[in-house]
Protein backbone atom coordinates (compact mmCIF):
# COMPACT_ATOMS: atom_id res chain seq x y z
CA MET A 1 115.50 86.94 103.27
CA THR A 2 112.69 89.09 101.89
CA GLU A 3 113.57 92.63 100.84
CA VAL A 4 110.87 95.30 100.96
CA TRP A 5 111.69 98.55 99.16
CA LEU A 6 109.91 101.83 99.90
CA ILE A 7 109.84 103.86 96.68
CA PRO A 8 108.86 107.56 96.58
CA THR A 9 107.12 107.93 93.22
CA ASP A 10 106.52 111.67 92.82
CA THR A 11 108.68 113.04 90.02
CA GLY A 12 108.50 115.44 87.09
CA ALA A 13 107.66 114.97 83.43
CA GLU A 14 111.29 114.93 82.26
CA GLN A 15 112.34 112.19 84.67
CA ALA A 16 109.24 110.16 83.82
CA ARG A 17 110.06 110.34 80.10
CA VAL A 18 113.55 108.99 80.82
CA LEU A 19 112.20 106.11 82.90
CA LEU A 20 109.64 105.22 80.22
CA GLU A 21 112.53 103.67 78.31
CA LEU A 22 112.71 100.91 80.92
CA LEU A 23 109.10 99.74 80.56
CA ASP A 24 107.95 96.86 78.39
CA PRO A 25 105.16 97.26 75.80
CA GLY A 26 102.40 96.28 78.22
CA GLU A 27 103.58 98.71 80.87
CA LEU A 28 103.98 101.45 78.26
CA ALA A 29 100.40 100.93 77.10
CA ARG A 30 99.11 101.20 80.67
CA ALA A 31 101.17 104.33 81.32
CA ARG A 32 100.02 106.04 78.13
CA ALA A 33 96.39 105.21 78.86
CA ALA A 34 96.56 107.57 81.84
CA PRO A 35 96.40 111.35 81.31
CA ASP A 36 99.77 113.05 81.27
CA GLY A 37 100.40 114.15 84.83
CA PRO A 38 101.27 112.98 88.35
CA GLU A 39 99.41 109.64 88.27
CA ARG A 40 101.15 108.59 85.06
CA TYR A 41 104.54 109.66 86.41
CA ARG A 42 103.98 107.69 89.62
CA PHE A 43 103.10 104.57 87.63
CA VAL A 44 106.25 104.94 85.53
CA VAL A 45 108.54 105.40 88.55
CA ALA A 46 107.06 102.43 90.44
CA HIS A 47 107.26 100.02 87.51
CA ALA A 48 110.69 101.18 86.40
CA ALA A 49 112.03 100.70 89.92
CA ALA A 50 110.44 97.25 90.15
CA ARG A 51 112.08 96.25 86.88
CA LEU A 52 115.50 97.55 87.96
CA LEU A 53 115.33 95.79 91.32
CA THR A 54 114.16 92.52 89.76
CA ALA A 55 116.89 92.67 87.12
CA ALA A 56 119.55 93.32 89.77
CA ALA A 57 118.37 90.38 91.89
CA ALA A 58 118.30 88.07 88.85
CA GLY A 59 121.63 89.28 87.43
CA LEU A 60 119.96 90.37 84.18
CA PRO A 61 119.83 93.62 82.22
CA PRO A 62 116.46 95.37 82.82
CA GLU A 63 115.27 94.83 79.24
CA ARG A 64 115.50 91.05 79.77
CA VAL A 65 112.87 91.08 82.54
CA ARG A 66 109.49 89.93 81.26
CA TRP A 67 106.32 89.31 83.24
CA ARG A 68 103.83 86.50 83.07
CA ARG A 69 100.43 86.79 84.74
CA GLY A 70 98.27 84.27 86.51
CA PRO A 71 94.49 83.90 86.08
CA HIS A 72 93.77 86.85 88.41
CA GLY A 73 96.58 89.07 87.16
CA ARG A 74 99.38 88.26 89.61
CA PRO A 75 102.73 89.02 87.85
CA GLU A 76 105.89 86.96 88.21
CA PRO A 77 109.19 87.35 86.36
CA ASP A 78 108.88 85.07 83.34
CA GLY A 79 111.51 82.33 83.35
CA LEU A 80 112.56 83.08 86.93
CA GLU A 81 109.69 81.32 88.71
CA GLY A 82 112.00 78.95 90.56
CA ARG A 83 114.40 81.72 91.60
CA LEU A 84 112.47 84.87 92.50
CA THR A 85 109.06 85.91 93.74
CA VAL A 86 108.11 89.60 93.65
CA ASN A 87 105.15 91.88 94.27
CA LEU A 88 104.40 95.59 93.90
CA SER A 89 101.87 97.84 95.63
CA THR A 90 101.24 101.53 94.94
CA ALA A 91 99.38 104.14 96.96
CA GLY A 92 99.52 107.88 96.34
CA PRO A 93 103.13 109.10 96.19
CA TRP A 94 104.53 105.79 97.44
CA ALA A 95 105.15 102.25 96.27
CA LEU A 96 106.29 99.13 98.09
CA PHE A 97 108.16 96.43 96.20
CA ALA A 98 108.85 93.05 97.82
CA ILE A 99 111.33 90.57 96.41
CA GLU A 100 112.59 87.24 97.69
CA HIS A 101 114.98 84.62 96.36
CA ARG A 102 112.71 81.61 96.40
CA PRO A 103 114.15 78.52 98.10
CA ALA A 104 113.20 75.02 97.02
CA GLY A 105 109.55 74.55 97.90
CA GLY A 106 109.25 78.20 98.91
CA GLY A 107 106.06 80.18 98.59
CA ALA A 108 105.06 83.33 96.76
CA ILE A 109 104.98 86.75 98.43
CA GLY A 110 102.49 89.61 98.37
CA VAL A 111 102.71 93.15 99.69
CA ASP A 112 100.12 95.87 100.19
CA LEU A 113 100.24 99.58 101.06
CA GLU A 114 97.06 101.53 101.81
CA PRO A 115 96.06 104.97 103.12
CA VAL A 116 94.08 105.12 106.36
CA PRO A 117 90.63 106.41 105.31
CA ALA A 118 88.15 108.56 107.18
CA GLU A 119 86.28 106.77 109.97
CA GLN A 120 82.90 106.76 108.18
CA VAL A 121 84.49 105.35 105.02
CA ALA A 122 86.22 102.62 107.03
CA ARG A 123 82.95 101.62 108.70
CA ARG A 124 81.11 101.48 105.39
CA LEU A 125 83.75 99.35 103.68
CA ALA A 126 84.14 97.05 106.68
CA HIS A 127 80.39 96.31 106.75
CA ARG A 128 80.41 95.74 103.01
CA TYR A 129 83.42 93.45 102.70
CA TYR A 130 84.49 91.99 106.07
CA PRO A 131 83.07 89.06 108.03
CA GLU A 132 80.84 90.22 110.89
CA PRO A 133 83.42 89.80 113.71
CA GLU A 134 85.73 92.26 111.92
CA THR A 135 83.25 95.07 111.26
CA GLY A 136 84.06 96.89 114.52
CA GLY A 137 87.11 98.98 115.32
CA ASP A 138 88.41 102.28 114.06
CA ALA A 139 89.93 103.27 110.71
CA GLU A 140 93.40 102.21 111.87
CA GLU A 141 92.21 98.68 112.65
CA PHE A 142 90.22 98.55 109.42
CA THR A 143 93.34 99.42 107.39
CA ARG A 144 95.57 96.92 109.19
CA ARG A 145 93.06 94.22 108.31
CA TRP A 146 92.75 95.42 104.72
CA THR A 147 96.49 95.40 104.05
CA ARG A 148 96.85 91.89 105.48
CA LYS A 149 93.92 90.60 103.45
CA GLU A 150 95.13 92.17 100.22
CA ALA A 151 98.75 91.04 100.75
CA TYR A 152 97.35 87.53 101.32
CA THR A 153 95.25 87.75 98.15
CA LYS A 154 98.20 88.98 96.07
CA ALA A 155 100.51 86.28 97.41
CA ARG A 156 97.96 83.58 96.56
CA GLY A 157 97.09 85.16 93.20
CA GLY A 158 93.37 84.90 93.86
CA ARG A 159 90.20 87.00 93.86
CA LEU A 160 90.15 89.91 96.28
CA ALA A 161 86.57 89.05 97.27
CA ASP A 162 87.86 85.77 98.72
CA GLY A 163 90.75 87.48 100.47
CA LEU A 164 88.50 90.08 102.10
CA ARG A 165 86.37 87.30 103.62
CA THR A 166 89.46 85.78 105.27
CA PRO A 167 89.94 86.68 108.97
CA ALA A 168 93.02 88.92 109.25
CA GLY A 169 94.18 87.92 112.73
CA PRO A 170 94.47 90.09 115.85
CA VAL A 171 95.13 93.74 115.02
CA ASP A 172 96.81 94.53 118.34
CA ARG A 173 99.93 92.56 117.33
CA PRO A 174 101.97 93.00 114.12
CA GLY A 175 102.40 89.29 113.61
CA PRO A 176 103.36 87.10 111.99
CA HIS A 177 99.87 85.63 111.82
CA ARG A 178 98.64 82.54 110.00
CA LEU A 179 95.68 83.15 107.71
CA HIS A 180 93.53 80.25 106.60
CA GLY A 181 91.01 81.29 103.98
CA PRO A 182 89.45 80.02 100.75
CA LEU A 183 92.67 80.76 98.84
CA GLY A 184 94.79 78.51 101.07
CA PRO A 185 97.18 79.07 103.98
CA CYS A 186 99.39 82.13 104.26
CA THR A 187 101.53 83.94 106.83
CA VAL A 188 101.25 87.73 107.15
CA ARG A 189 102.90 90.47 109.16
CA ASP A 190 102.50 94.23 109.41
CA LEU A 191 105.21 96.49 107.98
CA PRO A 192 106.36 100.02 108.78
CA ALA A 193 104.76 102.54 106.42
CA PRO A 194 104.80 106.29 105.73
CA SER A 195 102.66 108.49 107.97
CA GLY A 196 98.97 108.07 107.17
CA TYR A 197 99.50 104.66 105.52
CA ARG A 198 99.61 101.05 106.66
CA ALA A 199 101.32 98.08 105.01
CA ALA A 200 101.60 94.30 105.24
CA LEU A 201 103.65 91.45 103.78
CA ALA A 202 102.42 87.91 103.14
CA ARG A 203 103.92 84.63 102.02
CA THR A 204 102.00 81.53 100.95
CA GLY A 205 102.31 78.41 103.04
CA THR A 206 103.17 77.99 106.70
CA ARG A 207 106.93 78.63 106.78
CA PRO A 208 108.09 81.27 109.29
CA LEU A 209 108.00 84.84 107.99
CA PRO A 210 110.73 86.79 109.80
CA PRO A 211 110.95 90.59 109.62
CA PRO A 212 112.05 91.60 106.11
CA ASP A 213 115.06 93.67 105.16
CA LEU A 214 113.52 97.17 104.82
CA ARG A 215 115.18 99.40 102.24
CA ARG A 216 114.63 102.80 100.62
CA TYR A 217 114.89 103.30 96.87
CA PRO A 218 117.12 104.56 95.38
CA GLY A 219 119.30 105.44 98.38
CA ASP A 220 119.95 101.82 99.39
CA ALA A 221 120.72 100.75 95.81
CA PRO A 222 123.69 102.97 94.91
CA GLY A 223 125.15 100.53 92.38
CA LEU A 224 121.92 100.00 90.46
CA ALA A 225 122.21 101.02 86.82
CA GLN A 226 119.73 103.73 85.88
CA PRO A 227 119.36 105.82 82.72
CA ALA A 228 119.38 108.98 84.88
CA PRO A 229 119.44 109.74 88.60
CA LEU A 230 116.00 109.33 90.14
CA ALA A 231 115.00 112.33 92.23
CA PRO A 232 112.54 110.86 94.76
CA GLN A 233 112.00 114.11 96.63
CA ALA A 234 110.82 116.03 93.56
CA ARG A 235 107.09 116.68 93.72
CA THR A 236 104.62 117.57 91.04
CA THR A 237 102.25 119.01 93.63
CA ASP A 238 102.56 120.98 96.82
CA PRO A 239 102.12 118.42 99.63
CA ALA A 240 100.47 121.04 101.80
CA ARG A 241 97.72 121.37 99.21
CA SER A 242 97.41 117.70 98.31
CA PRO A 243 94.03 116.06 98.95
CA ALA A 244 93.67 113.56 101.77
CA PRO A 245 94.56 109.95 100.85
CA ALA A 246 91.75 108.03 99.20
CA ALA A 247 90.20 104.99 100.84
CA PRO A 248 91.25 101.49 99.83
CA ASP A 249 89.67 100.56 96.52
CA PRO A 250 88.88 96.88 95.84
CA GLU A 251 89.51 97.43 92.14
CA ALA A 252 92.77 99.37 92.49
CA ASP A 253 96.35 98.17 92.78
CA ARG A 254 95.62 94.72 91.52
CA PRO A 255 98.77 92.61 91.08
């Protein structure tokens, strides 16, 4: 069974400093490269939660979790390749983290979460990146395709340019759908997402992909050890004054 965790990532500076203790040197360097503020705090929350959830699934203390990366940056828990497959996606004040105990011969998983952009932005990006039969439709259809394509790319650990050329399947049904592109076969399905966002899950290969176990962090993980209680509802900005979600970015949220 695949678990998909919805993680609210808005928090304050004090909580972010506590969670920094969970990150490894590479994650710390990435966090500190960002200006001090909401984007850094969101990164810290998402990656700390991913580490805690991976450690719990593997039966390890969080500091024992280490990542290895493939040629296009896809992370996997180092030393746990035959046991777990994981993937993280971040978008605005949210993150999705997918984790699956990998059976013998099982595939890798990918997950993607994206904001629905303005209609003119969706049209421009569709004409730039999608095959001709997929350039029509509204922003909702564009985003459903994008999340499937990026989840597929992240599961396969390939180049996003190849994933975006892969037909995403019919957008009037949530799936599962089989995708056959230059990166190899994959099965994808749409996921529930926060208002204004769309999400998808993918697994390499052709095995069935049933609906995942959808969970909310930290409420559905009451026994998970944490250095301090995570306050997911705390916000660093007033949501009523927050800017509209940005469009999908081909260079953002790489695995």
